PDB file of all heavy atoms in Angstrom:
ATOM      1  N   GLN A   1     -79.232-111.839  42.768  1.00  0.00           N
ATOM      2  CA  GLN A   1     -79.593-111.990  44.171  1.00  0.00           C
ATOM      3  C   GLN A   1     -78.748-112.992  44.899  1.00  0.00           C
ATOM      4  O   GLN A   1     -78.268-112.690  46.008  1.00  0.00           O
ATOM      5  CB  GLN A   1     -81.115-112.271  44.281  1.00  0.00           C
ATOM      6  CG  GLN A   1     -81.540-112.337  45.697  1.00  0.00           C
ATOM      7  CD  GLN A   1     -81.407-111.036  46.443  1.00  0.00           C
ATOM      8  OE1 GLN A   1     -81.851-109.987  45.958  1.00  0.00           O
ATOM      9  NE2 GLN A   1     -80.715-111.060  47.617  1.00  0.00           N
ATOM     10  N   LEU A   2     -78.474-114.083  44.227  1.00  0.00           N
ATOM     11  CA  LEU A   2     -77.605-115.133  44.850  1.00  0.00           C
ATOM     12  C   LEU A   2     -76.234-114.557  45.054  1.00  0.00           C
ATOM     13  O   LEU A   2     -75.573-114.783  46.138  1.00  0.00           O
ATOM     14  CB  LEU A   2     -77.607-116.366  43.950  1.00  0.00           C
ATOM     15  CG  LEU A   2     -76.770-117.544  44.437  1.00  0.00           C
ATOM     16  CD1 LEU A   2     -77.438-118.872  43.957  1.00  0.00           C
ATOM     17  CD2 LEU A   2     -75.320-117.524  43.984  1.00  0.00           C
ATOM     18  N   ALA A   3     -75.718-113.887  44.045  1.00  0.00           N
ATOM     19  CA  ALA A   3     -74.388-113.297  44.181  1.00  0.00           C
ATOM     20  C   ALA A   3     -74.303-112.234  45.357  1.00  0.00           C
ATOM     21  O   ALA A   3     -73.327-112.222  46.057  1.00  0.00           O
ATOM     22  CB  ALA A   3     -74.011-112.527  42.896  1.00  0.00           C
ATOM     23  N   HIS A   4     -75.396-111.481  45.556  1.00  0.00           N
ATOM     24  CA  HIS A   4     -75.412-110.535  46.644  1.00  0.00           C
ATOM     25  C   HIS A   4     -75.387-111.307  48.000  1.00  0.00           C
ATOM     26  O   HIS A   4     -74.692-110.912  48.939  1.00  0.00           O
ATOM     27  CB  HIS A   4     -76.720-109.694  46.530  1.00  0.00           C
ATOM     28  CG  HIS A   4     -76.932-108.834  47.690  1.00  0.00           C
ATOM     29  ND1 HIS A   4     -76.184-107.627  47.894  1.00  0.00           N
ATOM     30  CD2 HIS A   4     -77.757-108.945  48.801  1.00  0.00           C
ATOM     31  CE1 HIS A   4     -76.568-107.029  49.024  1.00  0.00           C
ATOM     32  NE2 HIS A   4     -77.513-107.804  49.625  1.00  0.00           N
ATOM     33  N   ASN A   5     -76.066-112.386  48.067  1.00  0.00           N
ATOM     34  CA  ASN A   5     -76.157-113.138  49.310  1.00  0.00           C
ATOM     35  C   ASN A   5     -74.794-113.749  49.706  1.00  0.00           C
ATOM     36  O   ASN A   5     -74.482-113.848  50.899  1.00  0.00           O
ATOM     37  CB  ASN A   5     -77.199-114.279  49.179  1.00  0.00           C
ATOM     38  CG  ASN A   5     -78.615-113.776  49.027  1.00  0.00           C
ATOM     39  OD1 ASN A   5     -78.901-112.583  49.315  1.00  0.00           O
ATOM     40  ND2 ASN A   5     -79.491-114.686  48.553  1.00  0.00           N
ATOM     41  N   PHE A   6     -74.019-114.098  48.699  1.00  0.00           N
ATOM     42  CA  PHE A   6     -72.743-114.758  48.954  1.00  0.00           C
ATOM     43  C   PHE A   6     -71.511-113.815  48.704  1.00  0.00           C
ATOM     44  O   PHE A   6     -70.409-114.241  48.738  1.00  0.00           O
ATOM     45  CB  PHE A   6     -72.585-115.991  48.136  1.00  0.00           C
ATOM     46  CG  PHE A   6     -73.397-117.145  48.613  1.00  0.00           C
ATOM     47  CD1 PHE A   6     -74.703-117.432  48.064  1.00  0.00           C
ATOM     48  CD2 PHE A   6     -72.895-118.039  49.496  1.00  0.00           C
ATOM     49  CE1 PHE A   6     -75.394-118.480  48.485  1.00  0.00           C
ATOM     50  CE2 PHE A   6     -73.646-119.143  49.980  1.00  0.00           C
ATOM     51  CZ  PHE A   6     -74.923-119.374  49.441  1.00  0.00           C
ATOM     52  N   GLN A   7     -71.791-112.525  48.493  1.00  0.00           N
ATOM     53  CA  GLN A   7     -70.744-111.506  48.199  1.00  0.00           C
ATOM     54  C   GLN A   7     -69.843-111.987  47.052  1.00  0.00           C
ATOM     55  O   GLN A   7     -68.618-111.927  47.118  1.00  0.00           O
ATOM     56  CB  GLN A   7     -69.854-111.326  49.457  1.00  0.00           C
ATOM     57  CG  GLN A   7     -70.659-110.811  50.683  1.00  0.00           C
ATOM     58  CD  GLN A   7     -69.754-110.747  51.897  1.00  0.00           C
ATOM     59  OE1 GLN A   7     -69.506-111.714  52.635  1.00  0.00           O
ATOM     60  NE2 GLN A   7     -69.243-109.492  52.156  1.00  0.00           N
ATOM     61  N   MET A   8     -70.515-112.370  45.939  1.00  0.00           N
ATOM     62  CA  MET A   8     -69.768-112.904  44.826  1.00  0.00           C
ATOM     63  C   MET A   8     -69.336-111.815  43.892  1.00  0.00           C
ATOM     64  O   MET A   8     -70.090-110.850  43.645  1.00  0.00           O
ATOM     65  CB  MET A   8     -70.656-113.890  44.016  1.00  0.00           C
ATOM     66  CG  MET A   8     -70.984-115.203  44.695  1.00  0.00           C
ATOM     67  SD  MET A   8     -72.093-116.115  43.637  1.00  0.00           S
ATOM     68  CE  MET A   8     -72.305-117.625  44.686  1.00  0.00           C
ATOM     69  N   THR A   9     -68.220-111.955  43.272  1.00  0.00           N
ATOM     70  CA  THR A   9     -67.847-111.258  42.061  1.00  0.00           C
ATOM     71  C   THR A   9     -68.081-112.284  40.921  1.00  0.00           C
ATOM     72  O   THR A   9     -67.542-113.362  40.953  1.00  0.00           O
ATOM     73  CB  THR A   9     -66.375-110.891  42.038  1.00  0.00           C
ATOM     74  OG1 THR A   9     -66.132-109.971  43.143  1.00  0.00           O
ATOM     75  CG2 THR A   9     -65.941-110.177  40.735  1.00  0.00           C
ATOM     76  N   TYR A  10     -68.907-111.958  39.947  1.00  0.00           N
ATOM     77  CA  TYR A  10     -69.314-112.944  38.986  1.00  0.00           C
ATOM     78  C   TYR A  10     -69.506-112.402  37.604  1.00  0.00           C
ATOM     79  O   TYR A  10     -69.608-111.181  37.427  1.00  0.00           O
ATOM     80  CB  TYR A  10     -70.636-113.654  39.474  1.00  0.00           C
ATOM     81  CG  TYR A  10     -71.860-112.850  39.160  1.00  0.00           C
ATOM     82  CD1 TYR A  10     -72.675-113.108  38.064  1.00  0.00           C
ATOM     83  CD2 TYR A  10     -72.273-111.772  40.027  1.00  0.00           C
ATOM     84  CE1 TYR A  10     -73.849-112.331  37.796  1.00  0.00           C
ATOM     85  CE2 TYR A  10     -73.429-111.042  39.796  1.00  0.00           C
ATOM     86  CZ  TYR A  10     -74.227-111.340  38.689  1.00  0.00           C
ATOM     87  OH  TYR A  10     -75.293-110.599  38.447  1.00  0.00           O
ATOM     88  N   HIS A  11     -69.519-113.285  36.608  1.00  0.00           N
ATOM     89  CA  HIS A  11     -69.790-112.942  35.243  1.00  0.00           C
ATOM     90  C   HIS A  11     -70.519-114.043  34.577  1.00  0.00           C
ATOM     91  O   HIS A  11     -70.169-115.199  34.756  1.00  0.00           O
ATOM     92  CB  HIS A  11     -68.487-112.630  34.496  1.00  0.00           C
ATOM     93  CG  HIS A  11     -68.654-112.016  33.166  1.00  0.00           C
ATOM     94  ND1 HIS A  11     -69.107-110.758  32.973  1.00  0.00           N
ATOM     95  CD2 HIS A  11     -68.457-112.522  31.917  1.00  0.00           C
ATOM     96  CE1 HIS A  11     -69.180-110.508  31.667  1.00  0.00           C
ATOM     97  NE2 HIS A  11     -68.802-111.583  31.003  1.00  0.00           N
ATOM     98  N   ILE A  12     -71.504-113.761  33.728  1.00  0.00           N
ATOM     99  CA  ILE A  12     -72.235-114.705  32.944  1.00  0.00           C
ATOM    100  C   ILE A  12     -71.952-114.399  31.490  1.00  0.00           C
ATOM    101  O   ILE A  12     -72.214-113.276  31.054  1.00  0.00           O
ATOM    102  CB  ILE A  12     -73.740-114.670  33.238  1.00  0.00           C
ATOM    103  CG1 ILE A  12     -74.065-114.874  34.728  1.00  0.00           C
ATOM    104  CG2 ILE A  12     -74.466-115.748  32.424  1.00  0.00           C
ATOM    105  CD1 ILE A  12     -75.536-114.732  35.110  1.00  0.00           C
ATOM    106  N   SER A  13     -71.468-115.373  30.741  1.00  0.00           N
ATOM    107  CA  SER A  13     -70.993-115.172  29.379  1.00  0.00           C
ATOM    108  C   SER A  13     -71.768-116.115  28.432  1.00  0.00           C
ATOM    109  O   SER A  13     -72.128-117.246  28.848  1.00  0.00           O
ATOM    110  CB  SER A  13     -69.487-115.407  29.209  1.00  0.00           C
ATOM    111  OG  SER A  13     -68.781-114.702  30.198  1.00  0.00           O
ATOM    112  N   GLU A  14     -72.030-115.609  27.233  1.00  0.00           N
ATOM    113  CA  GLU A  14     -72.693-116.460  26.247  1.00  0.00           C
ATOM    114  C   GLU A  14     -71.613-117.176  25.345  1.00  0.00           C
ATOM    115  O   GLU A  14     -70.809-116.483  24.759  1.00  0.00           O
ATOM    116  CB  GLU A  14     -73.588-115.576  25.386  1.00  0.00           C
ATOM    117  CG  GLU A  14     -74.666-114.883  26.106  1.00  0.00           C
ATOM    118  CD  GLU A  14     -75.386-113.781  25.318  1.00  0.00           C
ATOM    119  OE1 GLU A  14     -74.864-113.451  24.275  1.00  0.00           O
ATOM    120  OE2 GLU A  14     -76.375-113.290  25.823  1.00  0.00           O
ATOM    121  N   VAL A  15     -71.710-118.472  25.380  1.00  0.00           N
ATOM    122  CA  VAL A  15     -70.655-119.236  24.623  1.00  0.00           C
ATOM    123  C   VAL A  15     -70.701-118.964  23.124  1.00  0.00           C
ATOM    124  O   VAL A  15     -69.658-118.907  22.400  1.00  0.00           O
ATOM    125  CB  VAL A  15     -70.850-120.769  24.873  1.00  0.00           C
ATOM    126  CG1 VAL A  15     -69.963-121.594  23.940  1.00  0.00           C
ATOM    127  CG2 VAL A  15     -70.560-121.105  26.322  1.00  0.00           C
ATOM    128  N   ALA A  16     -71.905-118.710  22.619  1.00  0.00           N
ATOM    129  CA  ALA A  16     -72.001-118.424  21.185  1.00  0.00           C
ATOM    130  C   ALA A  16     -71.359-117.089  20.732  1.00  0.00           C
ATOM    131  O   ALA A  16     -71.236-116.843  19.548  1.00  0.00           O
ATOM    132  CB  ALA A  16     -73.493-118.497  20.777  1.00  0.00           C
ATOM    133  N   HIS A  17     -71.091-116.246  21.662  1.00  0.00           N
ATOM    134  CA  HIS A  17     -70.552-114.928  21.360  1.00  0.00           C
ATOM    135  C   HIS A  17     -69.019-114.968  21.354  1.00  0.00           C
ATOM    136  O   HIS A  17     -68.393-115.046  22.427  1.00  0.00           O
ATOM    137  CB  HIS A  17     -71.073-113.864  22.445  1.00  0.00           C
ATOM    138  CG  HIS A  17     -70.331-112.617  22.386  1.00  0.00           C
ATOM    139  ND1 HIS A  17     -70.490-111.722  21.355  1.00  0.00           N
ATOM    140  CD2 HIS A  17     -69.453-112.029  23.308  1.00  0.00           C
ATOM    141  CE1 HIS A  17     -69.731-110.634  21.664  1.00  0.00           C
ATOM    142  NE2 HIS A  17     -69.096-110.801  22.765  1.00  0.00           N
ATOM    143  N   PRO A  18     -68.407-114.907  20.204  1.00  0.00           N
ATOM    144  CA  PRO A  18     -66.916-114.897  20.144  1.00  0.00           C
ATOM    145  C   PRO A  18     -66.404-113.599  20.704  1.00  0.00           C
ATOM    146  O   PRO A  18     -66.957-112.555  20.552  1.00  0.00           O
ATOM    147  CB  PRO A  18     -66.590-115.006  18.694  1.00  0.00           C
ATOM    148  CG  PRO A  18     -67.817-114.512  18.001  1.00  0.00           C
ATOM    149  CD  PRO A  18     -68.935-114.860  18.827  1.00  0.00           C
ATOM    150  N   MET A  19     -65.310-113.661  21.522  1.00  0.00           N
ATOM    151  CA  MET A  19     -64.791-112.478  22.172  1.00  0.00           C
ATOM    152  C   MET A  19     -64.167-111.514  21.157  1.00  0.00           C
ATOM    153  O   MET A  19     -63.250-111.922  20.410  1.00  0.00           O
ATOM    154  CB  MET A  19     -63.789-112.928  23.210  1.00  0.00           C
ATOM    155  CG  MET A  19     -63.343-111.767  24.103  1.00  0.00           C
ATOM    156  SD  MET A  19     -62.419-112.343  25.579  1.00  0.00           S
ATOM    157  CE  MET A  19     -63.755-113.022  26.532  1.00  0.00           C
ATOM    158  N   ARG A  20     -64.592-110.249  21.227  1.00  0.00           N
ATOM    159  CA  ARG A  20     -64.101-109.254  20.309  1.00  0.00           C
ATOM    160  C   ARG A  20     -62.699-108.848  20.772  1.00  0.00           C
ATOM    161  O   ARG A  20     -62.488-108.309  21.855  1.00  0.00           O
ATOM    162  CB  ARG A  20     -65.036-108.048  20.312  1.00  0.00           C
ATOM    163  CG  ARG A  20     -66.377-108.387  19.635  1.00  0.00           C
ATOM    164  CD  ARG A  20     -67.285-107.228  19.640  1.00  0.00           C
ATOM    165  NE  ARG A  20     -66.817-106.089  18.836  1.00  0.00           N
ATOM    166  CZ  ARG A  20     -66.847-106.078  17.496  1.00  0.00           C
ATOM    167  NH1 ARG A  20     -67.422-107.070  16.781  1.00  0.00           N
ATOM    168  NH2 ARG A  20     -66.380-105.018  16.845  1.00  0.00           N
ATOM    169  N   THR A  21     -61.736-109.128  19.915  1.00  0.00           N
ATOM    170  CA  THR A  21     -60.268-109.036  20.220  1.00  0.00           C
ATOM    171  C   THR A  21     -59.500-108.144  19.311  1.00  0.00           C
ATOM    172  O   THR A  21     -59.565-108.313  18.127  1.00  0.00           O
ATOM    173  CB  THR A  21     -59.674-110.538  20.226  1.00  0.00           C
ATOM    174  OG1 THR A  21     -60.420-111.300  21.136  1.00  0.00           O
ATOM    175  CG2 THR A  21     -58.235-110.475  20.635  1.00  0.00           C
ATOM    176  N   LEU A  22     -58.733-107.263  19.906  1.00  0.00           N
ATOM    177  CA  LEU A  22     -57.826-106.435  19.176  1.00  0.00           C
ATOM    178  C   LEU A  22     -56.436-106.925  19.423  1.00  0.00           C
ATOM    179  O   LEU A  22     -56.060-107.151  20.611  1.00  0.00           O
ATOM    180  CB  LEU A  22     -57.941-104.946  19.596  1.00  0.00           C
ATOM    181  CG  LEU A  22     -57.042-103.897  18.940  1.00  0.00           C
ATOM    182  CD1 LEU A  22     -57.822-102.596  18.848  1.00  0.00           C
ATOM    183  CD2 LEU A  22     -55.755-103.672  19.712  1.00  0.00           C
ATOM    184  N   ILE A  23     -55.670-107.109  18.357  1.00  0.00           N
ATOM    185  CA  ILE A  23     -54.249-107.613  18.523  1.00  0.00           C
ATOM    186  C   ILE A  23     -53.285-106.455  18.210  1.00  0.00           C
ATOM    187  O   ILE A  23     -53.412-105.752  17.175  1.00  0.00           O
ATOM    188  CB  ILE A  23     -54.016-108.808  17.573  1.00  0.00           C
ATOM    189  CG1 ILE A  23     -55.008-109.870  17.850  1.00  0.00           C
ATOM    190  CG2 ILE A  23     -52.576-109.323  17.782  1.00  0.00           C
ATOM    191  CD1 ILE A  23     -54.856-111.112  16.901  1.00  0.00           C
ATOM    192  N   MET A  24     -52.294-106.246  19.053  1.00  0.00           N
ATOM    193  CA  MET A  24     -51.263-105.328  18.815  1.00  0.00           C
ATOM    194  C   MET A  24     -49.896-106.072  18.591  1.00  0.00           C
ATOM    195  O   MET A  24     -49.576-107.017  19.309  1.00  0.00           O
ATOM    196  CB  MET A  24     -51.118-104.354  20.009  1.00  0.00           C
ATOM    197  CG  MET A  24     -52.437-103.686  20.344  1.00  0.00           C
ATOM    198  SD  MET A  24     -52.295-102.472  21.655  1.00  0.00           S
ATOM    199  CE  MET A  24     -51.328-101.196  20.793  1.00  0.00           C
ATOM    200  N   ALA A  25     -49.212-105.572  17.655  1.00  0.00           N
ATOM    201  CA  ALA A  25     -47.853-106.170  17.320  1.00  0.00           C
ATOM    202  C   ALA A  25     -46.954-105.077  16.735  1.00  0.00           C
ATOM    203  O   ALA A  25     -47.481-104.042  16.319  1.00  0.00           O
ATOM    204  CB  ALA A  25     -47.990-107.338  16.362  1.00  0.00           C
ATOM    205  N   SER A  26     -45.642-105.335  16.773  1.00  0.00           N
ATOM    206  CA  SER A  26     -44.733-104.328  16.224  1.00  0.00           C
ATOM    207  C   SER A  26     -44.143-104.805  14.865  1.00  0.00           C
ATOM    208  O   SER A  26     -44.665-104.506  13.834  1.00  0.00           O
ATOM    209  CB  SER A  26     -43.642-104.015  17.245  1.00  0.00           C
ATOM    210  OG  SER A  26     -44.145-103.218  18.335  1.00  0.00           O
ATOM    211  N   LYS A  27     -43.067-105.626  14.992  1.00  0.00           N
ATOM    212  CA  LYS A  27     -42.395-106.035  13.737  1.00  0.00           C
ATOM    213  C   LYS A  27     -42.369-107.552  13.601  1.00  0.00           C
ATOM    214  O   LYS A  27     -42.369-108.091  12.461  1.00  0.00           O
ATOM    215  CB  LYS A  27     -40.988-105.521  13.641  1.00  0.00           C
ATOM    216  CG  LYS A  27     -40.924-104.020  13.431  1.00  0.00           C
ATOM    217  CD  LYS A  27     -39.479-103.540  13.219  1.00  0.00           C
ATOM    218  CE  LYS A  27     -39.403-102.052  12.957  1.00  0.00           C
ATOM    219  NZ  LYS A  27     -37.979-101.616  12.718  1.00  0.00           N
ATOM    220  N   GLU A  28     -42.248-108.258  14.715  1.00  0.00           N
ATOM    221  CA  GLU A  28     -42.188-109.721  14.648  1.00  0.00           C
ATOM    222  C   GLU A  28     -43.553-110.411  14.333  1.00  0.00           C
ATOM    223  O   GLU A  28     -44.486-110.103  15.015  1.00  0.00           O
ATOM    224  CB  GLU A  28     -41.593-110.271  15.940  1.00  0.00           C
ATOM    225  CG  GLU A  28     -40.205-109.814  16.309  1.00  0.00           C
ATOM    226  CD  GLU A  28     -39.653-110.419  17.570  1.00  0.00           C
ATOM    227  OE1 GLU A  28     -39.707-111.642  17.700  1.00  0.00           O
ATOM    228  OE2 GLU A  28     -39.241-109.655  18.464  1.00  0.00           O
ATOM    229  N   PRO A  29     -43.580-111.288  13.323  1.00  0.00           N
ATOM    230  CA  PRO A  29     -44.891-111.773  12.881  1.00  0.00           C
ATOM    231  C   PRO A  29     -45.390-113.047  13.571  1.00  0.00           C
ATOM    232  O   PRO A  29     -46.543-113.440  13.400  1.00  0.00           O
ATOM    233  CB  PRO A  29     -44.635-111.991  11.360  1.00  0.00           C
ATOM    234  CG  PRO A  29     -43.232-112.405  11.362  1.00  0.00           C
ATOM    235  CD  PRO A  29     -42.514-111.578  12.350  1.00  0.00           C
ATOM    236  N   HIS A  30     -44.508-113.743  14.292  1.00  0.00           N
ATOM    237  CA  HIS A  30     -44.813-115.197  14.619  1.00  0.00           C
ATOM    238  C   HIS A  30     -46.038-115.293  15.488  1.00  0.00           C
ATOM    239  O   HIS A  30     -46.888-116.148  15.252  1.00  0.00           O
ATOM    240  CB  HIS A  30     -43.606-115.833  15.264  1.00  0.00           C
ATOM    241  CG  HIS A  30     -43.088-115.199  16.511  1.00  0.00           C
ATOM    242  ND1 HIS A  30     -42.316-114.048  16.460  1.00  0.00           N
ATOM    243  CD2 HIS A  30     -43.215-115.536  17.850  1.00  0.00           C
ATOM    244  CE1 HIS A  30     -41.962-113.791  17.739  1.00  0.00           C
ATOM    245  NE2 HIS A  30     -42.535-114.609  18.526  1.00  0.00           N
ATOM    246  N   CYS A  31     -46.219-114.468  16.547  1.00  0.00           N
ATOM    247  CA  CYS A  31     -47.417-114.601  17.379  1.00  0.00           C
ATOM    248  C   CYS A  31     -48.648-114.123  16.680  1.00  0.00           C
ATOM    249  O   CYS A  31     -49.724-114.733  16.783  1.00  0.00           O
ATOM    250  CB  CYS A  31     -47.162-113.800  18.673  1.00  0.00           C
ATOM    251  SG  CYS A  31     -46.031-114.620  19.830  1.00  0.00           S
ATOM    252  N   LEU A  32     -48.563-113.040  15.916  1.00  0.00           N
ATOM    253  CA  LEU A  32     -49.654-112.538  15.199  1.00  0.00           C
ATOM    254  C   LEU A  32     -50.169-113.518  14.158  1.00  0.00           C
ATOM    255  O   LEU A  32     -51.403-113.818  14.063  1.00  0.00           O
ATOM    256  CB  LEU A  32     -49.316-111.225  14.478  1.00  0.00           C
ATOM    257  CG  LEU A  32     -50.432-110.620  13.621  1.00  0.00           C
ATOM    258  CD1 LEU A  32     -51.689-110.301  14.426  1.00  0.00           C
ATOM    259  CD2 LEU A  32     -49.864-109.328  12.936  1.00  0.00           C
ATOM    260  N   SER A  33     -49.263-114.092  13.395  1.00  0.00           N
ATOM    261  CA  SER A  33     -49.720-114.998  12.286  1.00  0.00           C
ATOM    262  C   SER A  33     -50.261-116.255  12.914  1.00  0.00           C
ATOM    263  O   SER A  33     -51.273-116.848  12.411  1.00  0.00           O
ATOM    264  CB  SER A  33     -48.518-115.421  11.470  1.00  0.00           C
ATOM    265  OG  SER A  33     -47.546-116.024  12.168  1.00  0.00           O
ATOM    266  N   ASP A  34     -49.832-116.711  14.083  1.00  0.00           N
ATOM    267  CA  ASP A  34     -50.360-117.879  14.748  1.00  0.00           C
ATOM    268  C   ASP A  34     -51.806-117.613  15.190  1.00  0.00           C
ATOM    269  O   ASP A  34     -52.689-118.475  14.991  1.00  0.00           O
ATOM    270  CB  ASP A  34     -49.512-118.298  15.927  1.00  0.00           C
ATOM    271  CG  ASP A  34     -49.955-119.594  16.576  1.00  0.00           C
ATOM    272  OD1 ASP A  34     -49.822-120.621  15.967  1.00  0.00           O
ATOM    273  OD2 ASP A  34     -50.446-119.488  17.721  1.00  0.00           O
ATOM    274  N   LEU A  35     -52.072-116.488  15.836  1.00  0.00           N
ATOM    275  CA  LEU A  35     -53.391-116.159  16.229  1.00  0.00           C
ATOM    276  C   LEU A  35     -54.347-116.007  15.091  1.00  0.00           C
ATOM    277  O   LEU A  35     -55.547-116.429  15.135  1.00  0.00           O
ATOM    278  CB  LEU A  35     -53.385-114.867  17.085  1.00  0.00           C
ATOM    279  CG  LEU A  35     -52.639-114.909  18.451  1.00  0.00           C
ATOM    280  CD1 LEU A  35     -52.537-113.546  19.087  1.00  0.00           C
ATOM    281  CD2 LEU A  35     -53.308-115.899  19.373  1.00  0.00           C
ATOM    282  N   LEU A  36     -53.934-115.334  14.011  1.00  0.00           N
ATOM    283  CA  LEU A  36     -54.785-115.174  12.836  1.00  0.00           C
ATOM    284  C   LEU A  36     -55.116-116.519  12.197  1.00  0.00           C
ATOM    285  O   LEU A  36     -56.282-116.771  11.809  1.00  0.00           O
ATOM    286  CB  LEU A  36     -54.067-114.307  11.828  1.00  0.00           C
ATOM    287  CG  LEU A  36     -53.949-112.801  12.168  1.00  0.00           C
ATOM    288  CD1 LEU A  36     -52.947-112.138  11.229  1.00  0.00           C
ATOM    289  CD2 LEU A  36     -55.322-112.178  12.060  1.00  0.00           C
ATOM    290  N   ALA A  37     -54.147-117.381  12.153  1.00  0.00           N
ATOM    291  CA  ALA A  37     -54.427-118.731  11.497  1.00  0.00           C
ATOM    292  C   ALA A  37     -55.363-119.563  12.373  1.00  0.00           C
ATOM    293  O   ALA A  37     -56.276-120.181  11.842  1.00  0.00           O
ATOM    294  CB  ALA A  37     -53.068-119.475  11.317  1.00  0.00           C
ATOM    295  N   LYS A  38     -55.159-119.577  13.689  1.00  0.00           N
ATOM    296  CA  LYS A  38     -55.950-120.336  14.581  1.00  0.00           C
ATOM    297  C   LYS A  38     -57.358-119.808  14.654  1.00  0.00           C
ATOM    298  O   LYS A  38     -58.354-120.558  14.740  1.00  0.00           O
ATOM    299  CB  LYS A  38     -55.352-120.436  15.971  1.00  0.00           C
ATOM    300  CG  LYS A  38     -54.126-121.371  15.958  1.00  0.00           C
ATOM    301  CD  LYS A  38     -53.409-121.406  17.357  1.00  0.00           C
ATOM    302  CE  LYS A  38     -52.248-122.373  17.307  1.00  0.00           C
ATOM    303  NZ  LYS A  38     -51.428-122.324  18.513  1.00  0.00           N
ATOM    304  N   GLN A  39     -57.571-118.488  14.544  1.00  0.00           N
ATOM    305  CA  GLN A  39     -58.857-117.927  14.521  1.00  0.00           C
ATOM    306  C   GLN A  39     -59.601-118.318  13.228  1.00  0.00           C
ATOM    307  O   GLN A  39     -60.773-118.698  13.327  1.00  0.00           O
ATOM    308  CB  GLN A  39     -58.801-116.419  14.673  1.00  0.00           C
ATOM    309  CG  GLN A  39     -60.113-115.746  14.891  1.00  0.00           C
ATOM    310  CD  GLN A  39     -60.802-115.400  13.580  1.00  0.00           C
ATOM    311  OE1 GLN A  39     -60.203-115.300  12.503  1.00  0.00           O
ATOM    312  NE2 GLN A  39     -62.173-115.223  13.653  1.00  0.00           N
ATOM    313  N   ARG A  40     -58.911-118.274  12.108  1.00  0.00           N
ATOM    314  CA  ARG A  40     -59.510-118.595  10.851  1.00  0.00           C
ATOM    315  C   ARG A  40     -59.889-120.090  10.786  1.00  0.00           C
ATOM    316  O   ARG A  40     -60.956-120.468  10.243  1.00  0.00           O
ATOM    317  CB  ARG A  40     -58.575-118.329   9.695  1.00  0.00           C
ATOM    318  CG  ARG A  40     -59.073-118.831   8.337  1.00  0.00           C
ATOM    319  CD  ARG A  40     -58.171-118.379   7.205  1.00  0.00           C
ATOM    320  NE  ARG A  40     -58.323-116.965   6.879  1.00  0.00           N
ATOM    321  CZ  ARG A  40     -57.748-116.379   5.817  1.00  0.00           C
ATOM    322  NH1 ARG A  40     -56.991-117.114   5.027  1.00  0.00           N
ATOM    323  NH2 ARG A  40     -57.927-115.113   5.567  1.00  0.00           N
ATOM    324  N   GLU A  41     -59.114-120.952  11.512  1.00  0.00           N
ATOM    325  CA  GLU A  41     -59.383-122.378  11.517  1.00  0.00           C
ATOM    326  C   GLU A  41     -60.441-122.755  12.512  1.00  0.00           C
ATOM    327  O   GLU A  41     -60.840-123.880  12.651  1.00  0.00           O
ATOM    328  CB  GLU A  41     -58.109-123.160  11.875  1.00  0.00           C
ATOM    329  CG  GLU A  41     -57.029-123.033  10.800  1.00  0.00           C
ATOM    330  CD  GLU A  41     -55.655-123.514  11.335  1.00  0.00           C
ATOM    331  OE1 GLU A  41     -55.586-123.996  12.468  1.00  0.00           O
ATOM    332  OE2 GLU A  41     -54.609-123.333  10.603  1.00  0.00           O
ATOM    333  N   GLY A  42     -60.921-121.762  13.273  1.00  0.00           N
ATOM    334  CA  GLY A  42     -61.974-122.070  14.271  1.00  0.00           C
ATOM    335  C   GLY A  42     -61.448-122.583  15.577  1.00  0.00           C
ATOM    336  O   GLY A  42     -62.204-123.174  16.392  1.00  0.00           O
ATOM    337  N   ARG A  43     -60.141-122.437  15.815  1.00  0.00           N
ATOM    338  CA  ARG A  43     -59.537-123.025  17.002  1.00  0.00           C
ATOM    339  C   ARG A  43     -59.483-122.027  18.151  1.00  0.00           C
ATOM    340  O   ARG A  43     -59.103-122.346  19.336  1.00  0.00           O
ATOM    341  CB  ARG A  43     -58.120-123.514  16.655  1.00  0.00           C
ATOM    342  CG  ARG A  43     -58.119-124.672  15.688  1.00  0.00           C
ATOM    343  CD  ARG A  43     -56.728-124.908  15.099  1.00  0.00           C
ATOM    344  NE  ARG A  43     -55.755-125.305  16.084  1.00  0.00           N
ATOM    345  CZ  ARG A  43     -54.482-125.414  15.875  1.00  0.00           C
ATOM    346  NH1 ARG A  43     -53.971-125.146  14.613  1.00  0.00           N
ATOM    347  NH2 ARG A  43     -53.616-125.738  16.812  1.00  0.00           N
TER     348      ARG A  43
END
């Protein structure tokens, strides 16, 4: 209702919900390996 009153575009997100992410890559591994490692480390 508040958003309607102020003509807002808005989103409410739950911090505890990790974002479901699909990664696409071709042959170069550097960006993919970095994302996989940081996700595993909780970063």
